[in-house]
Amino acid sequence: MTVRVMLISPAMNAALREARFAGDAVLDASGSKAARLAAPLVPAADRAVHGPSERCARTAEALGLHSVDEPALRDWGLGRWAGDRLDEVSAREPEGVAAWLADPAAAPHGGESLLDLCARVGGWLDSLDAAADGRVLAVAEPSVVRAAVVHALLLPPQAFWRLDVAPLALTELSGRSRRWNLRTGRPLLPGAGH
């Protein structure tokens, strides 16, 4: 069976602008406006889901999707670092940040390791293989999109740090478990690379 998974990263918000470990930051006015402008460019799907964050839910709504919450698409669980800026955490816990960036099994923040994130997202992605052929559209946090690509392409976990996911970008995976193809980051904003 073949499935097409279309991952859309949510619109911009203050947490992204400030390089914060998001927590559950909402969309700001410019993010909401950008998502509404992108709505006509969203591809058709047989089913739509979104990560449980406010940002994903509000982006899906602004894109005009009738999507359901998918808990497996929650943002990377970064424990006590949630809501802090990267520079703040780096100043406070330089050894912890260094370990987190170097070791995919490290979780100095008390949350999920990179390996745990990739396994969770990969489990969701592989579960779609058991479903009927079709097109699944998911609004998911950038960390989830990056983990999906790492899992789908059987990349080493360290490749996660080399993948950039812009707000309102479309990443497409097609295939099935252990045999995915990738189409990367088509912007959903009018005039942005079309």
C-alpha atoms as a PDB file:
ATOM      1  CA  MET A   1       0.000   0.000   0.000  1.00  0.00           C
ATOM      2  CA  THR A   2       1.131   3.538  -0.712  1.00  0.00           C
ATOM      3  CA  VAL A   3       0.310   6.526   1.399  1.00  0.00           C
ATOM      4  CA  ARG A   4       1.159  10.169   0.850  1.00  0.00           C
ATOM      5  CA  VAL A   5       1.919  12.102   4.016  1.00  0.00           C
ATOM      6  CA  MET A   6       1.957  15.883   3.678  1.00  0.00           C
ATOM      7  CA  LEU A   7       3.465  17.652   6.679  1.00  0.00           C
ATOM      8  CA  ILE A   8       2.878  21.373   7.084  1.00  0.00           C
ATOM      9  CA  SER A   9       4.823  23.222   9.727  1.00  0.00           C
ATOM     10  CA  PRO A  10       2.757  25.737  11.700  1.00  0.00           C
ATOM     11  CA  ALA A  11       2.865  29.472  11.150  1.00  0.00           C
ATOM     12  CA  MET A  12       5.283  31.826  12.876  1.00  0.00           C
ATOM     13  CA  ASN A  13       4.900  32.863  16.490  1.00  0.00           C
ATOM     14  CA  ALA A  14       6.885  34.738  19.128  1.00  0.00           C
ATOM     15  CA  ALA A  15       8.550  31.562  20.468  1.00  0.00           C
ATOM     16  CA  LEU A  16      10.091  30.850  17.057  1.00  0.00           C
ATOM     17  CA  ARG A  17      11.251  34.443  16.645  1.00  0.00           C
ATOM     18  CA  GLU A  18      12.914  34.323  20.073  1.00  0.00           C
ATOM     19  CA  ALA A  19      14.482  30.831  19.610  1.00  0.00           C
ATOM     20  CA  ARG A  20      12.468  29.485  22.545  1.00  0.00           C
ATOM     21  CA  PHE A  21      11.810  25.860  23.290  1.00  0.00           C
ATOM     22  CA  ALA A  22       8.171  26.399  22.420  1.00  0.00           C
ATOM     23  CA  GLY A  23       6.125  24.912  25.235  1.00  0.00           C
ATOM     24  CA  ASP A  24       2.679  25.744  23.888  1.00  0.00           C
ATOM     25  CA  ALA A  25       2.999  29.231  22.433  1.00  0.00           C
ATOM     26  CA  VAL A  26       0.067  30.472  20.352  1.00  0.00           C
ATOM     27  CA  LEU A  27       0.155  32.047  16.902  1.00  0.00           C
ATOM     28  CA  ASP A  28       0.646  35.775  16.719  1.00  0.00           C
ATOM     29  CA  ALA A  29      -1.308  38.049  14.367  1.00  0.00           C
ATOM     30  CA  SER A  30       1.224  37.809  11.545  1.00  0.00           C
ATOM     31  CA  GLY A  31       1.288  33.989  11.817  1.00  0.00           C
ATOM     32  CA  SER A  32      -2.507  33.805  11.625  1.00  0.00           C
ATOM     33  CA  LYS A  33      -2.571  36.125   8.614  1.00  0.00           C
ATOM     34  CA  ALA A  34       0.126  34.113   6.809  1.00  0.00           C
ATOM     35  CA  ALA A  35      -1.778  30.859   7.394  1.00  0.00           C
ATOM     36  CA  ARG A  36      -5.007  32.369   6.032  1.00  0.00           C
ATOM     37  CA  LEU A  37      -3.105  33.555   2.923  1.00  0.00           C
ATOM     38  CA  ALA A  38      -1.634  30.073   2.457  1.00  0.00           C
ATOM     39  CA  ALA A  39      -4.997  28.300   2.754  1.00  0.00           C
ATOM     40  CA  PRO A  40      -5.755  28.212  -0.996  1.00  0.00           C
ATOM     41  CA  LEU A  41      -2.420  26.438  -1.624  1.00  0.00           C
ATOM     42  CA  VAL A  42      -3.003  23.563   0.812  1.00  0.00           C
ATOM     43  CA  PRO A  43      -3.187  20.267  -1.078  1.00  0.00           C
ATOM     44  CA  ALA A  44      -6.268  18.061  -0.848  1.00  0.00           C
ATOM     45  CA  ALA A  45      -6.189  15.139   1.587  1.00  0.00           C
ATOM     46  CA  ASP A  46      -8.340  12.192   2.584  1.00  0.00           C
ATOM     47  CA  ARG A  47      -7.799  13.002   6.244  1.00  0.00           C
ATOM     48  CA  ALA A  48      -6.227  15.821   8.203  1.00  0.00           C
ATOM     49  CA  VAL A  49      -4.633  15.824  11.630  1.00  0.00           C
ATOM     50  CA  HIS A  50      -2.688  18.329  13.706  1.00  0.00           C
ATOM     51  CA  GLY A  51      -0.283  18.217  16.610  1.00  0.00           C
ATOM     52  CA  PRO A  52      -1.883  18.989  19.971  1.00  0.00           C
ATOM     53  CA  SER A  53      -0.200  22.387  20.463  1.00  0.00           C
ATOM     54  CA  GLU A  54      -2.257  25.563  20.217  1.00  0.00           C
ATOM     55  CA  ARG A  55       0.029  26.693  17.420  1.00  0.00           C
ATOM     56  CA  CYS A  56      -0.686  23.599  15.311  1.00  0.00           C
ATOM     57  CA  ALA A  57      -4.425  23.669  16.044  1.00  0.00           C
ATOM     58  CA  ARG A  58      -4.757  27.386  15.204  1.00  0.00           C
ATOM     59  CA  THR A  59      -2.646  26.985  12.054  1.00  0.00           C
ATOM     60  CA  ALA A  60      -4.858  24.110  10.882  1.00  0.00           C
ATOM     61  CA  GLU A  61      -7.920  26.231  11.578  1.00  0.00           C
ATOM     62  CA  ALA A  62      -6.505  29.248   9.709  1.00  0.00           C
ATOM     63  CA  LEU A  63      -5.625  26.962   6.782  1.00  0.00           C
ATOM     64  CA  GLY A  64      -9.300  25.959   6.658  1.00  0.00           C
ATOM     65  CA  LEU A  65      -8.673  22.332   7.620  1.00  0.00           C
ATOM     66  CA  HIS A  66     -11.147  20.131   9.429  1.00  0.00           C
ATOM     67  CA  SER A  67      -8.459  18.255  11.307  1.00  0.00           C
ATOM     68  CA  VAL A  68      -8.328  16.194  14.460  1.00  0.00           C
ATOM     69  CA  ASP A  69      -5.768  16.257  17.239  1.00  0.00           C
ATOM     70  CA  GLU A  70      -3.068  13.575  16.869  1.00  0.00           C
ATOM     71  CA  PRO A  71      -1.191  13.089  20.182  1.00  0.00           C
ATOM     72  CA  ALA A  72       1.727  11.289  18.480  1.00  0.00           C
ATOM     73  CA  LEU A  73       2.521  14.572  16.702  1.00  0.00           C
ATOM     74  CA  ARG A  74       3.133  16.543  19.891  1.00  0.00           C
ATOM     75  CA  ASP A  75       6.238  18.719  19.975  1.00  0.00           C
ATOM     76  CA  TRP A  76       9.539  17.429  21.289  1.00  0.00           C
ATOM     77  CA  GLY A  77       9.203  17.011  25.063  1.00  0.00           C
ATOM     78  CA  LEU A  78      12.051  19.147  26.401  1.00  0.00           C
ATOM     79  CA  GLY A  79      11.197  18.897  30.088  1.00  0.00           C
ATOM     80  CA  ARG A  80      12.306  21.783  32.228  1.00  0.00           C
ATOM     81  CA  TRP A  81      13.683  23.692  29.208  1.00  0.00           C
ATOM     82  CA  ALA A  82      10.186  24.246  27.783  1.00  0.00           C
ATOM     83  CA  GLY A  83       9.478  27.952  27.362  1.00  0.00           C
ATOM     84  CA  ASP A  84      13.118  29.013  27.826  1.00  0.00           C
ATOM     85  CA  ARG A  85      15.298  30.557  25.135  1.00  0.00           C
ATOM     86  CA  LEU A  86      18.209  28.506  23.846  1.00  0.00           C
ATOM     87  CA  ASP A  87      20.722  31.170  24.905  1.00  0.00           C
ATOM     88  CA  GLU A  88      19.305  31.149  28.459  1.00  0.00           C
ATOM     89  CA  VAL A  89      19.587  27.374  28.733  1.00  0.00           C
ATOM     90  CA  SER A  90      23.083  27.430  27.206  1.00  0.00           C
ATOM     91  CA  ALA A  91      24.246  29.954  29.820  1.00  0.00           C
ATOM     92  CA  ARG A  92      22.620  28.044  32.675  1.00  0.00           C
ATOM     93  CA  GLU A  93      23.436  24.462  31.587  1.00  0.00           C
ATOM     94  CA  PRO A  94      26.264  24.517  29.029  1.00  0.00           C
ATOM     95  CA  GLU A  95      27.230  20.874  29.633  1.00  0.00           C
ATOM     96  CA  GLY A  96      23.611  19.760  29.303  1.00  0.00           C
ATOM     97  CA  VAL A  97      23.148  21.598  26.002  1.00  0.00           C
ATOM     98  CA  ALA A  98      26.434  20.191  24.675  1.00  0.00           C
ATOM     99  CA  ALA A  99      25.357  16.647  25.598  1.00  0.00           C
ATOM    100  CA  TRP A 100      21.904  17.178  24.084  1.00  0.00           C
ATOM    101  CA  LEU A 101      23.399  18.355  20.779  1.00  0.00           C
ATOM    102  CA  ALA A 102      26.056  15.617  20.611  1.00  0.00           C
ATOM    103  CA  ASP A 103      24.330  12.494  21.955  1.00  0.00           C
ATOM    104  CA  PRO A 104      20.974  11.448  20.434  1.00  0.00           C
ATOM    105  CA  ALA A 105      20.225   9.400  23.571  1.00  0.00           C
ATOM    106  CA  ALA A 106      20.782  12.340  25.977  1.00  0.00           C
ATOM    107  CA  ALA A 107      17.888  14.029  27.745  1.00  0.00           C
ATOM    108  CA  PRO A 108      19.512  16.431  30.251  1.00  0.00           C
ATOM    109  CA  HIS A 109      16.274  18.465  30.361  1.00  0.00           C
ATOM    110  CA  GLY A 110      14.309  15.519  31.775  1.00  0.00           C
ATOM    111  CA  GLY A 111      12.148  15.099  28.678  1.00  0.00           C
ATOM    112  CA  GLU A 112      12.482  13.061  25.503  1.00  0.00           C
ATOM    113  CA  SER A 113      15.811  12.265  23.887  1.00  0.00           C
ATOM    114  CA  LEU A 114      16.215  12.773  20.161  1.00  0.00           C
ATOM    115  CA  LEU A 115      16.051   8.981  19.748  1.00  0.00           C
ATOM    116  CA  ASP A 116      12.743   8.923  21.664  1.00  0.00           C
ATOM    117  CA  LEU A 117      11.308  11.714  19.493  1.00  0.00           C
ATOM    118  CA  CYS A 118      12.312   9.964  16.263  1.00  0.00           C
ATOM    119  CA  ALA A 119      10.898   6.649  17.499  1.00  0.00           C
ATOM    120  CA  ARG A 120       7.555   8.233  18.500  1.00  0.00           C
ATOM    121  CA  VAL A 121       7.118  10.100  15.232  1.00  0.00           C
ATOM    122  CA  GLY A 122       8.392   7.107  13.259  1.00  0.00           C
ATOM    123  CA  GLY A 123       5.846   4.881  14.984  1.00  0.00           C
ATOM    124  CA  TRP A 124       3.056   7.204  13.879  1.00  0.00           C
ATOM    125  CA  LEU A 125       4.404   7.353  10.333  1.00  0.00           C
ATOM    126  CA  ASP A 126       4.714   3.577  10.110  1.00  0.00           C
ATOM    127  CA  SER A 127       1.207   3.111  11.509  1.00  0.00           C
ATOM    128  CA  LEU A 128      -0.157   4.870   8.419  1.00  0.00           C
ATOM    129  CA  ASP A 129       1.105   1.968   6.342  1.00  0.00           C
ATOM    130  CA  ALA A 130      -1.552  -0.276   7.871  1.00  0.00           C
ATOM    131  CA  ALA A 131      -4.294   2.129   6.820  1.00  0.00           C
ATOM    132  CA  ALA A 132      -5.831   2.280   3.376  1.00  0.00           C
ATOM    133  CA  ASP A 133      -4.037   4.034   0.550  1.00  0.00           C
ATOM    134  CA  GLY A 134      -4.570   7.742   0.692  1.00  0.00           C
ATOM    135  CA  ARG A 135      -3.385  11.231   1.438  1.00  0.00           C
ATOM    136  CA  VAL A 136      -2.808  12.345   5.019  1.00  0.00           C
ATOM    137  CA  LEU A 137      -2.238  16.003   5.785  1.00  0.00           C
ATOM    138  CA  ALA A 138      -0.679  16.852   9.147  1.00  0.00           C
ATOM    139  CA  VAL A 139       0.109  20.226  10.703  1.00  0.00           C
ATOM    140  CA  ALA A 140       3.087  19.384  12.895  1.00  0.00           C
ATOM    141  CA  GLU A 141       5.805  21.212  14.796  1.00  0.00           C
ATOM    142  CA  PRO A 142       9.164  21.585  13.005  1.00  0.00           C
ATOM    143  CA  SER A 143      10.811  19.067  15.348  1.00  0.00           C
ATOM    144  CA  VAL A 144       8.167  16.498  14.377  1.00  0.00           C
ATOM    145  CA  VAL A 145       8.674  17.155  10.651  1.00  0.00           C
ATOM    146  CA  ARG A 146      12.442  16.779  11.063  1.00  0.00           C
ATOM    147  CA  ALA A 147      12.017  13.534  13.039  1.00  0.00           C
ATOM    148  CA  ALA A 148       9.667  12.175  10.359  1.00  0.00           C
ATOM    149  CA  VAL A 149      12.240  12.840   7.631  1.00  0.00           C
ATOM    150  CA  VAL A 150      15.035  11.231   9.686  1.00  0.00           C
ATOM    151  CA  HIS A 151      12.885   8.147  10.263  1.00  0.00           C
ATOM    152  CA  ALA A 152      11.499   7.888   6.745  1.00  0.00           C
ATOM    153  CA  LEU A 153      14.887   8.130   5.031  1.00  0.00           C
ATOM    154  CA  LEU A 154      16.665   5.953   7.600  1.00  0.00           C
ATOM    155  CA  LEU A 155      19.077   8.808   8.312  1.00  0.00           C
ATOM    156  CA  PRO A 156      21.402   8.808  11.306  1.00  0.00           C
ATOM    157  CA  PRO A 157      19.788  10.734  14.186  1.00  0.00           C
ATOM    158  CA  GLN A 158      22.467  13.449  13.984  1.00  0.00           C
ATOM    159  CA  ALA A 159      21.031  14.447  10.574  1.00  0.00           C
ATOM    160  CA  PHE A 160      18.089  15.930  12.530  1.00  0.00           C
ATOM    161  CA  TRP A 161      20.278  18.948  13.355  1.00  0.00           C
ATOM    162  CA  ARG A 162      20.980  19.573   9.661  1.00  0.00           C
ATOM    163  CA  LEU A 163      17.340  19.840   8.598  1.00  0.00           C
ATOM    164  CA  ASP A 164      15.626  23.224   8.576  1.00  0.00           C
ATOM    165  CA  VAL A 165      11.846  23.509   8.510  1.00  0.00           C
ATOM    166  CA  ALA A 166      10.454  26.964   7.779  1.00  0.00           C
ATOM    167  CA  PRO A 167       7.022  28.086   8.992  1.00  0.00           C
ATOM    168  CA  LEU A 168       4.205  27.046   6.637  1.00  0.00           C
ATOM    169  CA  ALA A 169       6.446  24.802   4.537  1.00  0.00           C
ATOM    170  CA  LEU A 170       5.130  21.594   3.021  1.00  0.00           C
ATOM    171  CA  THR A 171       7.203  18.415   3.296  1.00  0.00           C
ATOM    172  CA  GLU A 172       5.862  15.374   1.458  1.00  0.00           C
ATOM    173  CA  LEU A 173       6.601  11.713   2.100  1.00  0.00           C
ATOM    174  CA  SER A 174       5.142   9.037  -0.113  1.00  0.00           C
ATOM    175  CA  GLY A 175       5.452   5.279   0.071  1.00  0.00           C
ATOM    176  CA  ARG A 176       5.134   2.963   3.020  1.00  0.00           C
ATOM    177  CA  SER A 177       7.014   1.779   6.094  1.00  0.00           C
ATOM    178  CA  ARG A 178      10.753   1.396   5.394  1.00  0.00           C
ATOM    179  CA  ARG A 179      10.302   2.634   1.803  1.00  0.00           C
ATOM    180  CA  TRP A 180       9.591   6.362   1.736  1.00  0.00           C
ATOM    181  CA  ASN A 181      10.366   9.023  -0.849  1.00  0.00           C
ATOM    182  CA  LEU A 182      10.788  12.669   0.091  1.00  0.00           C
ATOM    183  CA  ARG A 183       9.713  15.900  -1.557  1.00  0.00           C
ATOM    184  CA  THR A 184      11.045  18.764   0.543  1.00  0.00           C
ATOM    185  CA  GLY A 185       9.819  22.091   1.800  1.00  0.00           C
ATOM    186  CA  ARG A 186       7.486  23.645  -0.767  1.00  0.00           C
ATOM    187  CA  PRO A 187       6.430  27.008   0.733  1.00  0.00           C
ATOM    188  CA  LEU A 188       2.705  27.585   1.115  1.00  0.00           C
ATOM    189  CA  LEU A 189       2.838  31.348   0.912  1.00  0.00           C
ATOM    190  CA  PRO A 190       1.800  33.032  -2.347  1.00  0.00           C
ATOM    191  CA  GLY A 191       4.830  34.213  -4.283  1.00  0.00           C
ATOM    192  CA  ALA A 192       7.326  32.372  -2.043  1.00  0.00           C
ATOM    193  CA  GLY A 193       9.053  30.093  -4.509  1.00  0.00           C
ATOM    194  CA  HIS A 194       6.110  29.151  -6.811  1.00  0.00           C
END
